[in-house]
Amino acid sequence: MSRSNLDKVLRRIEKSEEKSLKILFKQRKDLLKALEDNERLIESRLNRGATPQEVKLEQEIDKLTKVRVSHNFLKQNKFIFLFIISGWRP
């Protein structure tokens, strides 16, 4: 490959790298802006409190959690309950 052709190829590569670098910096800037926007939205959301729907969902989650805990307790202690129910005495 001649010297002039090699120079042309190197210049194209350099321009391509510059263009890629500009794109990367723009993407980084856009990403940082999006992160800041998200942080602002989250902060404003946390400051305004829960909506009635969210309160209702939270209550339902608590209720289901209590039912699950009770179920697990009964499952783990079923033999004790069977003895109590049957009136068995040691």
C-alpha atoms as a PDB file:
ATOM      1  CA  MET A   1       0.000   0.000   0.000  1.00  0.00           C
ATOM      2  CA  SER A   2       1.383   3.392  -0.930  1.00  0.00           C
ATOM      3  CA  ARG A   3       2.090   6.070   1.629  1.00  0.00           C
ATOM      4  CA  SER A   4      -0.744   8.337   0.388  1.00  0.00           C
ATOM      5  CA  ASN A   5      -3.279   5.494   0.534  1.00  0.00           C
ATOM      6  CA  LEU A   6      -2.144   4.628   4.030  1.00  0.00           C
ATOM      7  CA  ASP A   7      -2.524   8.276   5.088  1.00  0.00           C
ATOM      8  CA  LYS A   8      -6.052   8.349   3.653  1.00  0.00           C
ATOM      9  CA  VAL A   9      -7.017   5.198   5.535  1.00  0.00           C
ATOM     10  CA  LEU A  10      -5.555   6.553   8.754  1.00  0.00           C
ATOM     11  CA  ARG A  11      -7.431   9.852   8.332  1.00  0.00           C
ATOM     12  CA  ARG A  12     -10.707   7.970   7.755  1.00  0.00           C
ATOM     13  CA  ILE A  13     -10.080   5.901  10.870  1.00  0.00           C
ATOM     14  CA  GLU A  14      -9.269   9.027  12.862  1.00  0.00           C
ATOM     15  CA  LYS A  15     -12.432  10.798  11.664  1.00  0.00           C
ATOM     16  CA  SER A  16     -14.488   7.732  12.443  1.00  0.00           C
ATOM     17  CA  GLU A  17     -13.019   7.581  15.948  1.00  0.00           C
ATOM     18  CA  GLU A  18     -13.728  11.282  16.492  1.00  0.00           C
ATOM     19  CA  LYS A  19     -17.308  10.813  15.384  1.00  0.00           C
ATOM     20  CA  SER A  20     -17.729   7.788  17.663  1.00  0.00           C
ATOM     21  CA  LEU A  21     -16.249   9.718  20.569  1.00  0.00           C
ATOM     22  CA  LYS A  22     -18.662  12.629  20.006  1.00  0.00           C
ATOM     23  CA  ILE A  23     -21.575  10.180  19.974  1.00  0.00           C
ATOM     24  CA  LEU A  24     -20.361   8.549  23.195  1.00  0.00           C
ATOM     25  CA  PHE A  25     -20.040  11.910  24.948  1.00  0.00           C
ATOM     26  CA  LYS A  26     -23.527  12.905  23.805  1.00  0.00           C
ATOM     27  CA  GLN A  27     -24.943   9.592  25.032  1.00  0.00           C
ATOM     28  CA  ARG A  28     -23.186  10.059  28.380  1.00  0.00           C
ATOM     29  CA  LYS A  29     -24.618  13.576  28.687  1.00  0.00           C
ATOM     30  CA  ASP A  30     -28.119  12.317  27.831  1.00  0.00           C
ATOM     31  CA  LEU A  31     -27.814   9.462  30.318  1.00  0.00           C
ATOM     32  CA  LEU A  32     -26.724  11.778  33.129  1.00  0.00           C
ATOM     33  CA  LYS A  33     -29.641  14.096  32.343  1.00  0.00           C
ATOM     34  CA  ALA A  34     -32.069  11.150  32.405  1.00  0.00           C
ATOM     35  CA  LEU A  35     -30.664   9.981  35.757  1.00  0.00           C
ATOM     36  CA  GLU A  36     -31.106  13.466  37.230  1.00  0.00           C
ATOM     37  CA  ASP A  37     -34.687  13.599  35.908  1.00  0.00           C
ATOM     38  CA  ASN A  38     -35.436  10.201  37.440  1.00  0.00           C
ATOM     39  CA  GLU A  39     -33.995  11.274  40.785  1.00  0.00           C
ATOM     40  CA  ARG A  40     -36.182  14.392  40.754  1.00  0.00           C
ATOM     41  CA  LEU A  41     -39.263  12.338  39.900  1.00  0.00           C
ATOM     42  CA  ILE A  42     -38.543   9.811  42.643  1.00  0.00           C
ATOM     43  CA  GLU A  43     -37.941  12.548  45.191  1.00  0.00           C
ATOM     44  CA  SER A  44     -41.157  14.361  44.301  1.00  0.00           C
ATOM     45  CA  ARG A  45     -43.064  11.061  44.382  1.00  0.00           C
ATOM     46  CA  LEU A  46     -41.708  10.192  47.822  1.00  0.00           C
ATOM     47  CA  ASN A  47     -42.563  13.636  49.156  1.00  0.00           C
ATOM     48  CA  ARG A  48     -46.209  13.609  48.101  1.00  0.00           C
ATOM     49  CA  GLY A  49     -47.240  10.442  49.965  1.00  0.00           C
ATOM     50  CA  ALA A  50     -49.230   7.396  48.975  1.00  0.00           C
ATOM     51  CA  THR A  51     -52.330   7.425  46.796  1.00  0.00           C
ATOM     52  CA  PRO A  52     -55.546   5.722  48.001  1.00  0.00           C
ATOM     53  CA  GLN A  53     -54.874   2.851  45.586  1.00  0.00           C
ATOM     54  CA  GLU A  54     -51.393   2.377  46.998  1.00  0.00           C
ATOM     55  CA  VAL A  55     -52.736   2.373  50.561  1.00  0.00           C
ATOM     56  CA  LYS A  56     -55.308  -0.251  49.579  1.00  0.00           C
ATOM     57  CA  LEU A  57     -52.635  -2.389  47.888  1.00  0.00           C
ATOM     58  CA  GLU A  58     -50.369  -2.092  50.928  1.00  0.00           C
ATOM     59  CA  GLN A  59     -53.216  -3.209  53.196  1.00  0.00           C
ATOM     60  CA  GLU A  60     -53.935  -6.172  50.929  1.00  0.00           C
ATOM     61  CA  ILE A  61     -50.255  -7.141  50.920  1.00  0.00           C
ATOM     62  CA  ASP A  62     -50.175  -6.967  54.726  1.00  0.00           C
ATOM     63  CA  LYS A  63     -53.317  -9.098  54.953  1.00  0.00           C
ATOM     64  CA  LEU A  64     -51.916 -11.742  52.591  1.00  0.00           C
ATOM     65  CA  THR A  65     -48.603 -11.751  54.436  1.00  0.00           C
ATOM     66  CA  LYS A  66     -50.382 -12.424  57.727  1.00  0.00           C
ATOM     67  CA  VAL A  67     -52.370 -15.266  56.143  1.00  0.00           C
ATOM     68  CA  ARG A  68     -49.179 -16.778  54.749  1.00  0.00           C
ATOM     69  CA  VAL A  69     -47.381 -16.527  58.095  1.00  0.00           C
ATOM     70  CA  SER A  70     -50.365 -18.164  59.805  1.00  0.00           C
ATOM     71  CA  HIS A  71     -50.427 -20.915  57.184  1.00  0.00           C
ATOM     72  CA  ASN A  72     -46.701 -21.576  57.628  1.00  0.00           C
ATOM     73  CA  PHE A  73     -47.078 -21.663  61.410  1.00  0.00           C
ATOM     74  CA  LEU A  74     -49.948 -24.146  61.157  1.00  0.00           C
ATOM     75  CA  LYS A  75     -48.045 -26.247  58.656  1.00  0.00           C
ATOM     76  CA  GLN A  76     -44.977 -26.399  60.896  1.00  0.00           C
ATOM     77  CA  ASN A  77     -46.996 -27.229  64.007  1.00  0.00           C
ATOM     78  CA  LYS A  78     -49.690 -29.501  62.544  1.00  0.00           C
ATOM     79  CA  PHE A  79     -48.868 -32.485  64.782  1.00  0.00           C
ATOM     80  CA  ILE A  80     -49.214 -30.381  67.911  1.00  0.00           C
ATOM     81  CA  PHE A  81     -52.573 -29.099  66.714  1.00  0.00           C
ATOM     82  CA  LEU A  82     -53.719 -32.615  65.832  1.00  0.00           C
ATOM     83  CA  PHE A  83     -52.912 -33.775  69.371  1.00  0.00           C
ATOM     84  CA  ILE A  84     -54.711 -30.797  70.858  1.00  0.00           C
ATOM     85  CA  ILE A  85     -57.767 -31.278  68.647  1.00  0.00           C
ATOM     86  CA  SER A  86     -57.939 -35.031  69.267  1.00  0.00           C
ATOM     87  CA  GLY A  87     -57.744 -34.549  73.013  1.00  0.00           C
ATOM     88  CA  TRP A  88     -54.679 -36.777  73.287  1.00  0.00           C
ATOM     89  CA  ARG A  89     -52.978 -36.702  76.687  1.00  0.00           C
ATOM     90  CA  PRO A  90     -49.452 -38.000  77.320  1.00  0.00           C
END
